[in-house]
ModelCIF file with pLDDT and N, C-alpha, C, O atoms, coordinates in Angstrom:
data_MODEL
#
_entry.id   MODEL 
#
_entity.id                         1 
_entity.type                       polymer 
_entity.pdbx_number_of_molecules   1 
#
_entity_poly.entity_id                      1 
_entity_poly.type                           'polypeptide(L)' 
_entity_poly.nstd_linkage                   no 
_entity_poly.nstd_monomer                   no 
_entity_poly.pdbx_seq_one_letter_code       EDESVLPDFLLGETISFEAYGSVDGVVDFSALTADAIVVDDKAVTIT 
_entity_poly.pdbx_seq_one_letter_code_can   EDESVLPDFLLGETISFEAYGSVDGVVDFSALTADAIVVDDKAVTIT 
_entity_poly.pdbx_strand_id                 A 
#
loop_
_entity_poly_seq.entity_id 
_entity_poly_seq.num 
_entity_poly_seq.mon_id 
_entity_poly_seq.hetero 
1 1  GLU n 
1 2  ASP n 
1 3  GLU n 
1 4  SER n 
1 5  VAL n 
1 6  LEU n 
1 7  PRO n 
1 8  ASP n 
1 9  PHE n 
1 10 LEU n 
1 11 LEU n 
1 12 GLY n 
1 13 GLU n 
1 14 THR n 
1 15 ILE n 
1 16 SER n 
1 17 PHE n 
1 18 GLU n 
1 19 ALA n 
1 20 TYR n 
1 21 GLY n 
1 22 SER n 
1 23 VAL n 
1 24 ASP n 
1 25 GLY n 
1 26 VAL n 
1 27 VAL n 
1 28 ASP n 
1 29 PHE n 
1 30 SER n 
1 31 ALA n 
1 32 LEU n 
1 33 THR n 
1 34 ALA n 
1 35 ASP n 
1 36 ALA n 
1 37 ILE n 
1 38 VAL n 
1 39 VAL n 
1 40 ASP n 
1 41 ASP n 
1 42 LYS n 
1 43 ALA n 
1 44 VAL n 
1 45 THR n 
1 46 ILE n 
1 47 THR n 
#
_struct_asym.id          A 
_struct_asym.entity_id   1 
#
loop_
_ma_qa_metric.id 
_ma_qa_metric.mode 
_ma_qa_metric.name 
_ma_qa_metric.software_group_id 
_ma_qa_metric.type 
1 global pLDDT . pLDDT 
2 local  pLDDT . pLDDT 
#
_ma_qa_metric_global.metric_id      1 
_ma_qa_metric_global.metric_value   81.53 
_ma_qa_metric_global.model_id       1 
_ma_qa_metric_global.ordinal_id     1 
#
loop_
_ma_qa_metric_local.label_asym_id 
_ma_qa_metric_local.label_comp_id 
_ma_qa_metric_local.label_seq_id 
_ma_qa_metric_local.metric_id 
_ma_qa_metric_local.metric_value 
_ma_qa_metric_local.model_id 
_ma_qa_metric_local.ordinal_id 
A GLU 1  2 72.00 1 1  
A ASP 2  2 70.00 1 2  
A GLU 3  2 61.00 1 3  
A SER 4  2 55.00 1 4  
A VAL 5  2 52.00 1 5  
A LEU 6  2 51.00 1 6  
A PRO 7  2 52.00 1 7  
A ASP 8  2 54.00 1 8  
A PHE 9  2 45.00 1 9  
A LEU 10 2 51.00 1 10 
A LEU 11 2 53.00 1 11 
A GLY 12 2 60.00 1 12 
A GLU 13 2 72.00 1 13 
A THR 14 2 79.00 1 14 
A ILE 15 2 85.00 1 15 
A SER 16 2 90.00 1 16 
A PHE 17 2 94.00 1 17 
A GLU 18 2 96.00 1 18 
A ALA 19 2 96.00 1 19 
A TYR 20 2 97.00 1 20 
A GLY 21 2 97.00 1 21 
A SER 22 2 97.00 1 22 
A VAL 23 2 97.00 1 23 
A ASP 24 2 97.00 1 24 
A GLY 25 2 97.00 1 25 
A VAL 26 2 96.00 1 26 
A VAL 27 2 94.00 1 27 
A ASP 28 2 91.00 1 28 
A PHE 29 2 88.00 1 29 
A SER 30 2 85.00 1 30 
A ALA 31 2 80.00 1 31 
A LEU 32 2 84.00 1 32 
A THR 33 2 83.00 1 33 
A ALA 34 2 82.00 1 34 
A ASP 35 2 87.00 1 35 
A ALA 36 2 89.00 1 36 
A ILE 37 2 89.00 1 37 
A VAL 38 2 91.00 1 38 
A VAL 39 2 91.00 1 39 
A ASP 40 2 90.00 1 40 
A ASP 41 2 87.00 1 41 
A LYS 42 2 90.00 1 42 
A ALA 43 2 93.00 1 43 
A VAL 44 2 92.00 1 44 
A THR 45 2 94.00 1 45 
A ILE 46 2 93.00 1 46 
A THR 47 2 93.00 1 47 
#
loop_
_atom_site.group_PDB 
_atom_site.id 
_atom_site.type_symbol 
_atom_site.label_atom_id 
_atom_site.label_alt_id 
_atom_site.label_comp_id 
_atom_site.label_asym_id 
_atom_site.label_entity_id 
_atom_site.label_seq_id 
_atom_site.pdbx_PDB_ins_code 
_atom_site.Cartn_x 
_atom_site.Cartn_y 
_atom_site.Cartn_z 
_atom_site.occupancy 
_atom_site.B_iso_or_equiv 
_atom_site.pdbx_formal_charge 
_atom_site.auth_seq_id 
_atom_site.auth_comp_id 
_atom_site.auth_asym_id 
_atom_site.auth_atom_id 
_atom_site.pdbx_PDB_model_num 
ATOM 1   N N  . GLU A 1 1  ? 85.446 93.646  46.117 1.00 72.00 ? 1  GLU A N  1 
ATOM 2   C CA . GLU A 1 1  ? 85.740 95.020  46.528 1.00 72.00 ? 1  GLU A CA 1 
ATOM 3   C C  . GLU A 1 1  ? 86.163 95.086  47.986 1.00 72.00 ? 1  GLU A C  1 
ATOM 4   O O  . GLU A 1 1  ? 85.590 94.425  48.851 1.00 72.00 ? 1  GLU A O  1 
ATOM 5   N N  . ASP A 1 2  ? 87.169 95.891  48.233 1.00 70.00 ? 2  ASP A N  1 
ATOM 6   C CA . ASP A 1 2  ? 87.637 96.164  49.592 1.00 70.00 ? 2  ASP A CA 1 
ATOM 7   C C  . ASP A 1 2  ? 87.338 97.643  49.867 1.00 70.00 ? 2  ASP A C  1 
ATOM 8   O O  . ASP A 1 2  ? 88.106 98.534  49.505 1.00 70.00 ? 2  ASP A O  1 
ATOM 9   N N  . GLU A 1 3  ? 86.200 97.867  50.517 1.00 61.00 ? 3  GLU A N  1 
ATOM 10  C CA . GLU A 1 3  ? 85.736 99.252  50.694 1.00 61.00 ? 3  GLU A CA 1 
ATOM 11  C C  . GLU A 1 3  ? 86.236 99.850  52.005 1.00 61.00 ? 3  GLU A C  1 
ATOM 12  O O  . GLU A 1 3  ? 86.640 99.135  52.922 1.00 61.00 ? 3  GLU A O  1 
ATOM 13  N N  . SER A 1 4  ? 86.197 101.178 52.067 1.00 55.00 ? 4  SER A N  1 
ATOM 14  C CA . SER A 1 4  ? 86.571 101.907 53.283 1.00 55.00 ? 4  SER A CA 1 
ATOM 15  C C  . SER A 1 4  ? 85.616 103.085 53.441 1.00 55.00 ? 4  SER A C  1 
ATOM 16  O O  . SER A 1 4  ? 84.753 103.329 52.596 1.00 55.00 ? 4  SER A O  1 
ATOM 17  N N  . VAL A 1 5  ? 85.792 103.806 54.543 1.00 52.00 ? 5  VAL A N  1 
ATOM 18  C CA . VAL A 1 5  ? 84.935 104.976 54.785 1.00 52.00 ? 5  VAL A CA 1 
ATOM 19  C C  . VAL A 1 5  ? 85.329 106.134 53.880 1.00 52.00 ? 5  VAL A C  1 
ATOM 20  O O  . VAL A 1 5  ? 84.556 107.069 53.671 1.00 52.00 ? 5  VAL A O  1 
ATOM 21  N N  . LEU A 1 6  ? 86.537 106.059 53.350 1.00 51.00 ? 6  LEU A N  1 
ATOM 22  C CA . LEU A 1 6  ? 86.995 107.115 52.445 1.00 51.00 ? 6  LEU A CA 1 
ATOM 23  C C  . LEU A 1 6  ? 86.507 106.830 51.023 1.00 51.00 ? 6  LEU A C  1 
ATOM 24  O O  . LEU A 1 6  ? 86.158 105.694 50.703 1.00 51.00 ? 6  LEU A O  1 
ATOM 25  N N  . PRO A 1 7  ? 86.482 107.842 50.183 1.00 52.00 ? 7  PRO A N  1 
ATOM 26  C CA . PRO A 1 7  ? 86.082 107.643 48.786 1.00 52.00 ? 7  PRO A CA 1 
ATOM 27  C C  . PRO A 1 7  ? 86.991 106.613 48.105 1.00 52.00 ? 7  PRO A C  1 
ATOM 28  O O  . PRO A 1 7  ? 88.164 106.479 48.453 1.00 52.00 ? 7  PRO A O  1 
ATOM 29  N N  . ASP A 1 8  ? 86.433 105.894 47.137 1.00 54.00 ? 8  ASP A N  1 
ATOM 30  C CA . ASP A 1 8  ? 87.176 104.824 46.464 1.00 54.00 ? 8  ASP A CA 1 
ATOM 31  C C  . ASP A 1 8  ? 88.452 105.312 45.806 1.00 54.00 ? 8  ASP A C  1 
ATOM 32  O O  . ASP A 1 8  ? 89.449 104.591 45.774 1.00 54.00 ? 8  ASP A O  1 
ATOM 33  N N  . PHE A 1 9  ? 88.431 106.543 45.275 1.00 45.00 ? 9  PHE A N  1 
ATOM 34  C CA . PHE A 1 9  ? 89.625 107.013 44.575 1.00 45.00 ? 9  PHE A CA 1 
ATOM 35  C C  . PHE A 1 9  ? 90.778 107.270 45.533 1.00 45.00 ? 9  PHE A C  1 
ATOM 36  O O  . PHE A 1 9  ? 91.930 107.347 45.106 1.00 45.00 ? 9  PHE A O  1 
ATOM 37  N N  . LEU A 1 10 ? 90.479 107.406 46.844 1.00 51.00 ? 10 LEU A N  1 
ATOM 38  C CA . LEU A 1 10 ? 91.519 107.589 47.847 1.00 51.00 ? 10 LEU A CA 1 
ATOM 39  C C  . LEU A 1 10 ? 91.963 106.264 48.463 1.00 51.00 ? 10 LEU A C  1 
ATOM 40  O O  . LEU A 1 10 ? 93.156 105.968 48.530 1.00 51.00 ? 10 LEU A O  1 
ATOM 41  N N  . LEU A 1 11 ? 90.991 105.474 48.911 1.00 53.00 ? 11 LEU A N  1 
ATOM 42  C CA . LEU A 1 11 ? 91.318 104.228 49.602 1.00 53.00 ? 11 LEU A CA 1 
ATOM 43  C C  . LEU A 1 11 ? 90.277 103.167 49.265 1.00 53.00 ? 11 LEU A C  1 
ATOM 44  O O  . LEU A 1 11 ? 89.076 103.386 49.419 1.00 53.00 ? 11 LEU A O  1 
ATOM 45  N N  . GLY A 1 12 ? 90.741 102.056 48.820 1.00 60.00 ? 12 GLY A N  1 
ATOM 46  C CA . GLY A 1 12 ? 89.845 100.964 48.445 1.00 60.00 ? 12 GLY A CA 1 
ATOM 47  C C  . GLY A 1 12 ? 90.450 100.159 47.305 1.00 60.00 ? 12 GLY A C  1 
ATOM 48  O O  . GLY A 1 12 ? 91.366 100.615 46.619 1.00 60.00 ? 12 GLY A O  1 
ATOM 49  N N  . GLU A 1 13 ? 89.933 98.978  47.119 1.00 72.00 ? 13 GLU A N  1 
ATOM 50  C CA . GLU A 1 13 ? 90.478 98.110  46.081 1.00 72.00 ? 13 GLU A CA 1 
ATOM 51  C C  . GLU A 1 13 ? 89.357 97.294  45.451 1.00 72.00 ? 13 GLU A C  1 
ATOM 52  O O  . GLU A 1 13 ? 88.493 96.759  46.146 1.00 72.00 ? 13 GLU A O  1 
ATOM 53  N N  . THR A 1 14 ? 89.383 97.206  44.138 1.00 79.00 ? 14 THR A N  1 
ATOM 54  C CA . THR A 1 14 ? 88.438 96.371  43.402 1.00 79.00 ? 14 THR A CA 1 
ATOM 55  C C  . THR A 1 14 ? 89.228 95.453  42.476 1.00 79.00 ? 14 THR A C  1 
ATOM 56  O O  . THR A 1 14 ? 90.002 95.916  41.637 1.00 79.00 ? 14 THR A O  1 
ATOM 57  N N  . ILE A 1 15 ? 89.021 94.131  42.640 1.00 85.00 ? 15 ILE A N  1 
ATOM 58  C CA . ILE A 1 15 ? 89.730 93.136  41.834 1.00 85.00 ? 15 ILE A CA 1 
ATOM 59  C C  . ILE A 1 15 ? 88.732 92.436  40.924 1.00 85.00 ? 15 ILE A C  1 
ATOM 60  O O  . ILE A 1 15 ? 87.722 91.903  41.383 1.00 85.00 ? 15 ILE A O  1 
ATOM 61  N N  . SER A 1 16 ? 89.023 92.445  39.646 1.00 90.00 ? 16 SER A N  1 
ATOM 62  C CA . SER A 1 16 ? 88.204 91.713  38.674 1.00 90.00 ? 16 SER A CA 1 
ATOM 63  C C  . SER A 1 16 ? 88.890 90.386  38.373 1.00 90.00 ? 16 SER A C  1 
ATOM 64  O O  . SER A 1 16 ? 90.070 90.347  38.024 1.00 90.00 ? 16 SER A O  1 
ATOM 65  N N  . PHE A 1 17 ? 88.126 89.290  38.516 1.00 94.00 ? 17 PHE A N  1 
ATOM 66  C CA . PHE A 1 17 ? 88.710 87.950  38.374 1.00 94.00 ? 17 PHE A CA 1 
ATOM 67  C C  . PHE A 1 17 ? 87.887 87.141  37.388 1.00 94.00 ? 17 PHE A C  1 
ATOM 68  O O  . PHE A 1 17 ? 86.657 87.182  37.399 1.00 94.00 ? 17 PHE A O  1 
ATOM 69  N N  . GLU A 1 18 ? 88.587 86.403  36.535 1.00 96.00 ? 18 GLU A N  1 
ATOM 70  C CA . GLU A 1 18 ? 87.938 85.523  35.563 1.00 96.00 ? 18 GLU A CA 1 
ATOM 71  C C  . GLU A 1 18 ? 88.315 84.093  35.917 1.00 96.00 ? 18 GLU A C  1 
ATOM 72  O O  . GLU A 1 18 ? 89.488 83.721  35.895 1.00 96.00 ? 18 GLU A O  1 
ATOM 73  N N  . ALA A 1 19 ? 87.303 83.301  36.243 1.00 96.00 ? 19 ALA A N  1 
ATOM 74  C CA . ALA A 1 19 ? 87.562 81.941  36.720 1.00 96.00 ? 19 ALA A CA 1 
ATOM 75  C C  . ALA A 1 19 ? 87.086 80.905  35.710 1.00 96.00 ? 19 ALA A C  1 
ATOM 76  O O  . ALA A 1 19 ? 85.998 81.014  35.144 1.00 96.00 ? 19 ALA A O  1 
ATOM 77  N N  . TYR A 1 20 ? 87.927 79.899  35.499 1.00 97.00 ? 20 TYR A N  1 
ATOM 78  C CA . TYR A 1 20 ? 87.584 78.738  34.688 1.00 97.00 ? 20 TYR A CA 1 
ATOM 79  C C  . TYR A 1 20 ? 87.715 77.499  35.572 1.00 97.00 ? 20 TYR A C  1 
ATOM 80  O O  . TYR A 1 20 ? 88.621 77.409  36.400 1.00 97.00 ? 20 TYR A O  1 
ATOM 81  N N  . GLY A 1 21 ? 86.815 76.562  35.390 1.00 97.00 ? 21 GLY A N  1 
ATOM 82  C CA . GLY A 1 21 ? 86.892 75.353  36.206 1.00 97.00 ? 21 GLY A CA 1 
ATOM 83  C C  . GLY A 1 21 ? 85.804 74.360  35.851 1.00 97.00 ? 21 GLY A C  1 
ATOM 84  O O  . GLY A 1 21 ? 85.153 74.474  34.813 1.00 97.00 ? 21 GLY A O  1 
ATOM 85  N N  . SER A 1 22 ? 85.615 73.383  36.728 1.00 97.00 ? 22 SER A N  1 
ATOM 86  C CA . SER A 1 22 ? 84.625 72.337  36.479 1.00 97.00 ? 22 SER A CA 1 
ATOM 87  C C  . SER A 1 22 ? 83.936 71.935  37.771 1.00 97.00 ? 22 SER A C  1 
ATOM 88  O O  . SER A 1 22 ? 84.459 72.124  38.869 1.00 97.00 ? 22 SER A O  1 
ATOM 89  N N  . VAL A 1 23 ? 82.739 71.370  37.603 1.00 97.00 ? 23 VAL A N  1 
ATOM 90  C CA . VAL A 1 23 ? 81.937 70.879  38.729 1.00 97.00 ? 23 VAL A CA 1 
ATOM 91  C C  . VAL A 1 23 ? 81.349 69.532  38.318 1.00 97.00 ? 23 VAL A C  1 
ATOM 92  O O  . VAL A 1 23 ? 80.914 69.355  37.180 1.00 97.00 ? 23 VAL A O  1 
ATOM 93  N N  . ASP A 1 24 ? 81.341 68.583  39.257 1.00 97.00 ? 24 ASP A N  1 
ATOM 94  C CA . ASP A 1 24 ? 80.804 67.254  38.979 1.00 97.00 ? 24 ASP A CA 1 
ATOM 95  C C  . ASP A 1 24 ? 79.380 67.100  39.499 1.00 97.00 ? 24 ASP A C  1 
ATOM 96  O O  . ASP A 1 24 ? 79.002 67.697  40.506 1.00 97.00 ? 24 ASP A O  1 
ATOM 97  N N  . GLY A 1 25 ? 78.602 66.291  38.797 1.00 97.00 ? 25 GLY A N  1 
ATOM 98  C CA . GLY A 1 25 ? 77.316 65.830  39.299 1.00 97.00 ? 25 GLY A CA 1 
ATOM 99  C C  . GLY A 1 25 ? 77.530 64.433  39.861 1.00 97.00 ? 25 GLY A C  1 
ATOM 100 O O  . GLY A 1 25 ? 77.841 63.511  39.107 1.00 97.00 ? 25 GLY A O  1 
ATOM 101 N N  . VAL A 1 26 ? 77.370 64.256  41.180 1.00 96.00 ? 26 VAL A N  1 
ATOM 102 C CA . VAL A 1 26 ? 77.742 63.015  41.862 1.00 96.00 ? 26 VAL A CA 1 
ATOM 103 C C  . VAL A 1 26 ? 76.518 62.360  42.507 1.00 96.00 ? 26 VAL A C  1 
ATOM 104 O O  . VAL A 1 26 ? 75.672 63.036  43.093 1.00 96.00 ? 26 VAL A O  1 
ATOM 105 N N  . VAL A 1 27 ? 76.441 61.018  42.386 1.00 94.00 ? 27 VAL A N  1 
ATOM 106 C CA . VAL A 1 27 ? 75.401 60.240  43.061 1.00 94.00 ? 27 VAL A CA 1 
ATOM 107 C C  . VAL A 1 27 ? 76.082 59.374  44.116 1.00 94.00 ? 27 VAL A C  1 
ATOM 108 O O  . VAL A 1 27 ? 77.026 58.643  43.818 1.00 94.00 ? 27 VAL A O  1 
ATOM 109 N N  . ASP A 1 28 ? 75.594 59.466  45.349 1.00 91.00 ? 28 ASP A N  1 
ATOM 110 C CA . ASP A 1 28 ? 76.194 58.752  46.475 1.00 91.00 ? 28 ASP A CA 1 
ATOM 111 C C  . ASP A 1 28 ? 75.586 57.357  46.601 1.00 91.00 ? 28 ASP A C  1 
ATOM 112 O O  . ASP A 1 28 ? 74.414 57.215  46.951 1.00 91.00 ? 28 ASP A O  1 
ATOM 113 N N  . PHE A 1 29 ? 76.391 56.323  46.311 1.00 88.00 ? 29 PHE A N  1 
ATOM 114 C CA . PHE A 1 29 ? 75.947 54.937  46.456 1.00 88.00 ? 29 PHE A CA 1 
ATOM 115 C C  . PHE A 1 29 ? 76.306 54.367  47.832 1.00 88.00 ? 29 PHE A C  1 
ATOM 116 O O  . PHE A 1 29 ? 75.844 53.285  48.195 1.00 88.00 ? 29 PHE A O  1 
ATOM 117 N N  . SER A 1 30 ? 77.127 55.089  48.593 1.00 85.00 ? 30 SER A N  1 
ATOM 118 C CA . SER A 1 30 ? 77.691 54.526  49.817 1.00 85.00 ? 30 SER A CA 1 
ATOM 119 C C  . SER A 1 30 ? 76.650 54.236  50.891 1.00 85.00 ? 30 SER A C  1 
ATOM 120 O O  . SER A 1 30 ? 76.854 53.344  51.715 1.00 85.00 ? 30 SER A O  1 
ATOM 121 N N  . ALA A 1 31 ? 75.543 54.966  50.899 1.00 80.00 ? 31 ALA A N  1 
ATOM 122 C CA . ALA A 1 31 ? 74.531 54.783  51.950 1.00 80.00 ? 31 ALA A CA 1 
ATOM 123 C C  . ALA A 1 31 ? 73.385 53.876  51.510 1.00 80.00 ? 31 ALA A C  1 
ATOM 124 O O  . ALA A 1 31 ? 72.393 53.746  52.228 1.00 80.00 ? 31 ALA A O  1 
ATOM 125 N N  . LEU A 1 32 ? 73.505 53.255  50.353 1.00 84.00 ? 32 LEU A N  1 
ATOM 126 C CA . LEU A 1 32 ? 72.436 52.383  49.879 1.00 84.00 ? 32 LEU A CA 1 
ATOM 127 C C  . LEU A 1 32 ? 72.260 51.180  50.800 1.00 84.00 ? 32 LEU A C  1 
ATOM 128 O O  . LEU A 1 32 ? 73.238 50.614  51.289 1.00 84.00 ? 32 LEU A O  1 
ATOM 129 N N  . THR A 1 33 ? 71.000 50.792  51.034 1.00 83.00 ? 33 THR A N  1 
ATOM 130 C CA . THR A 1 33 ? 70.692 49.605  51.825 1.00 83.00 ? 33 THR A CA 1 
ATOM 131 C C  . THR A 1 33 ? 69.824 48.682  50.987 1.00 83.00 ? 33 THR A C  1 
ATOM 132 O O  . THR A 1 33 ? 69.386 49.042  49.894 1.00 83.00 ? 33 THR A O  1 
ATOM 133 N N  . ALA A 1 34 ? 69.585 47.499  51.508 1.00 82.00 ? 34 ALA A N  1 
ATOM 134 C CA . ALA A 1 34 ? 68.757 46.529  50.783 1.00 82.00 ? 34 ALA A CA 1 
ATOM 135 C C  . ALA A 1 34 ? 67.342 47.049  50.564 1.00 82.00 ? 34 ALA A C  1 
ATOM 136 O O  . ALA A 1 34 ? 66.678 46.648  49.609 1.00 82.00 ? 34 ALA A O  1 
ATOM 137 N N  . ASP A 1 35 ? 66.868 47.946  51.445 1.00 87.00 ? 35 ASP A N  1 
ATOM 138 C CA . ASP A 1 35 ? 65.514 48.493  51.293 1.00 87.00 ? 35 ASP A CA 1 
ATOM 139 C C  . ASP A 1 35 ? 65.376 49.332  50.030 1.00 87.00 ? 35 ASP A C  1 
ATOM 140 O O  . ASP A 1 35 ? 64.271 49.507  49.518 1.00 87.00 ? 35 ASP A O  1 
ATOM 141 N N  . ALA A 1 36 ? 66.484 49.847  49.530 1.00 89.00 ? 36 ALA A N  1 
ATOM 142 C CA . ALA A 1 36 ? 66.436 50.689  48.330 1.00 89.00 ? 36 ALA A CA 1 
ATOM 143 C C  . ALA A 1 36 ? 66.421 49.876  47.049 1.00 89.00 ? 36 ALA A C  1 
ATOM 144 O O  . ALA A 1 36 ? 66.312 50.425  45.953 1.00 89.00 ? 36 ALA A O  1 
ATOM 145 N N  . ILE A 1 37 ? 66.531 48.563  47.195 1.00 89.00 ? 37 ILE A N  1 
ATOM 146 C CA . ILE A 1 37 ? 66.597 47.679  46.027 1.00 89.00 ? 37 ILE A CA 1 
ATOM 147 C C  . ILE A 1 37 ? 65.473 46.659  46.108 1.00 89.00 ? 37 ILE A C  1 
ATOM 148 O O  . ILE A 1 37 ? 65.410 45.874  47.054 1.00 89.00 ? 37 ILE A O  1 
ATOM 149 N N  . VAL A 1 38 ? 64.596 46.669  45.134 1.00 91.00 ? 38 VAL A N  1 
ATOM 150 C CA . VAL A 1 38 ? 63.462 45.746  45.093 1.00 91.00 ? 38 VAL A CA 1 
ATOM 151 C C  . VAL A 1 38 ? 63.631 44.831  43.885 1.00 91.00 ? 38 VAL A C  1 
ATOM 152 O O  . VAL A 1 38 ? 63.647 45.285  42.741 1.00 91.00 ? 38 VAL A O  1 
ATOM 153 N N  . VAL A 1 39 ? 63.757 43.537  44.160 1.00 91.00 ? 39 VAL A N  1 
ATOM 154 C CA . VAL A 1 39 ? 63.965 42.550  43.106 1.00 91.00 ? 39 VAL A CA 1 
ATOM 155 C C  . VAL A 1 39 ? 62.701 41.734  42.912 1.00 91.00 ? 39 VAL A C  1 
ATOM 156 O O  . VAL A 1 39 ? 62.114 41.247  43.879 1.00 91.00 ? 39 VAL A O  1 
ATOM 157 N N  . ASP A 1 40 ? 62.279 41.583  41.660 1.00 90.00 ? 40 ASP A N  1 
ATOM 158 C CA . ASP A 1 40 ? 61.124 40.764  41.316 1.00 90.00 ? 40 ASP A CA 1 
ATOM 159 C C  . ASP A 1 40 ? 61.501 39.912  40.113 1.00 90.00 ? 40 ASP A C  1 
ATOM 160 O O  . ASP A 1 40 ? 61.346 40.324  38.963 1.00 90.00 ? 40 ASP A O  1 
ATOM 161 N N  . ASP A 1 41 ? 62.006 38.700  40.407 1.00 87.00 ? 41 ASP A N  1 
ATOM 162 C CA . ASP A 1 41 ? 62.492 37.798  39.376 1.00 87.00 ? 41 ASP A CA 1 
ATOM 163 C C  . ASP A 1 41 ? 63.613 38.475  38.582 1.00 87.00 ? 41 ASP A C  1 
ATOM 164 O O  . ASP A 1 41 ? 64.690 38.716  39.128 1.00 87.00 ? 41 ASP A O  1 
ATOM 165 N N  . LYS A 1 42 ? 63.378 38.784  37.308 1.00 90.00 ? 42 LYS A N  1 
ATOM 166 C CA . LYS A 1 42 ? 64.408 39.405  36.483 1.00 90.00 ? 42 LYS A CA 1 
ATOM 167 C C  . LYS A 1 42 ? 64.201 40.908  36.330 1.00 90.00 ? 42 LYS A C  1 
ATOM 168 O O  . LYS A 1 42 ? 64.763 41.526  35.426 1.00 90.00 ? 42 LYS A O  1 
ATOM 169 N N  . ALA A 1 43 ? 63.401 41.489  37.204 1.00 93.00 ? 43 ALA A N  1 
ATOM 170 C CA . ALA A 1 43 ? 63.189 42.934  37.219 1.00 93.00 ? 43 ALA A CA 1 
ATOM 171 C C  . ALA A 1 43 ? 63.708 43.498  38.535 1.00 93.00 ? 43 ALA A C  1 
ATOM 172 O O  . ALA A 1 43 ? 63.596 42.854  39.578 1.00 93.00 ? 43 ALA A O  1 
ATOM 173 N N  . VAL A 1 44 ? 64.277 44.704  38.487 1.00 92.00 ? 44 VAL A N  1 
ATOM 174 C CA . VAL A 1 44 ? 64.802 45.328  39.691 1.00 92.00 ? 44 VAL A CA 1 
ATOM 175 C C  . VAL A 1 44 ? 64.511 46.825  39.650 1.00 92.00 ? 44 VAL A C  1 
ATOM 176 O O  . VAL A 1 44 ? 64.591 47.461  38.599 1.00 92.00 ? 44 VAL A O  1 
ATOM 177 N N  . THR A 1 45 ? 64.172 47.373  40.816 1.00 94.00 ? 45 THR A N  1 
ATOM 178 C CA . THR A 1 45 ? 63.964 48.815  40.966 1.00 94.00 ? 45 THR A CA 1 
ATOM 179 C C  . THR A 1 45 ? 64.912 49.319  42.049 1.00 94.00 ? 45 THR A C  1 
ATOM 180 O O  . THR A 1 45 ? 64.950 48.777  43.153 1.00 94.00 ? 45 THR A O  1 
ATOM 181 N N  . ILE A 1 46 ? 65.679 50.360  41.724 1.00 93.00 ? 46 ILE A N  1 
ATOM 182 C CA . ILE A 1 46 ? 66.632 50.939  42.682 1.00 93.00 ? 46 ILE A CA 1 
ATOM 183 C C  . ILE A 1 46 ? 66.258 52.391  42.941 1.00 93.00 ? 46 ILE A C  1 
ATOM 184 O O  . ILE A 1 46 ? 66.078 53.169  42.004 1.00 93.00 ? 46 ILE A O  1 
ATOM 185 N N  . THR A 1 47 ? 66.143 52.753  44.214 1.00 93.00 ? 47 THR A N  1 
ATOM 186 C CA . THR A 1 47 ? 65.852 54.126  44.605 1.00 93.00 ? 47 THR A CA 1 
ATOM 187 C C  . THR A 1 47 ? 67.142 54.782  45.098 1.00 93.00 ? 47 THR A C  1 
ATOM 188 O O  . THR A 1 47 ? 67.133 55.952  45.482 1.00 93.00 ? 47 THR A O  1 
#
């Protein structure tokens, strides 16, 4: 809405918009360090 001090029927604008799109769920591996990886023989834990 684009409101003004005047009544809406005189001055103002209301736009109705319908949006379609997408959003990703992302995991950042770039900052991983050796401390985040614990190796025990053939077992590994990653934080």
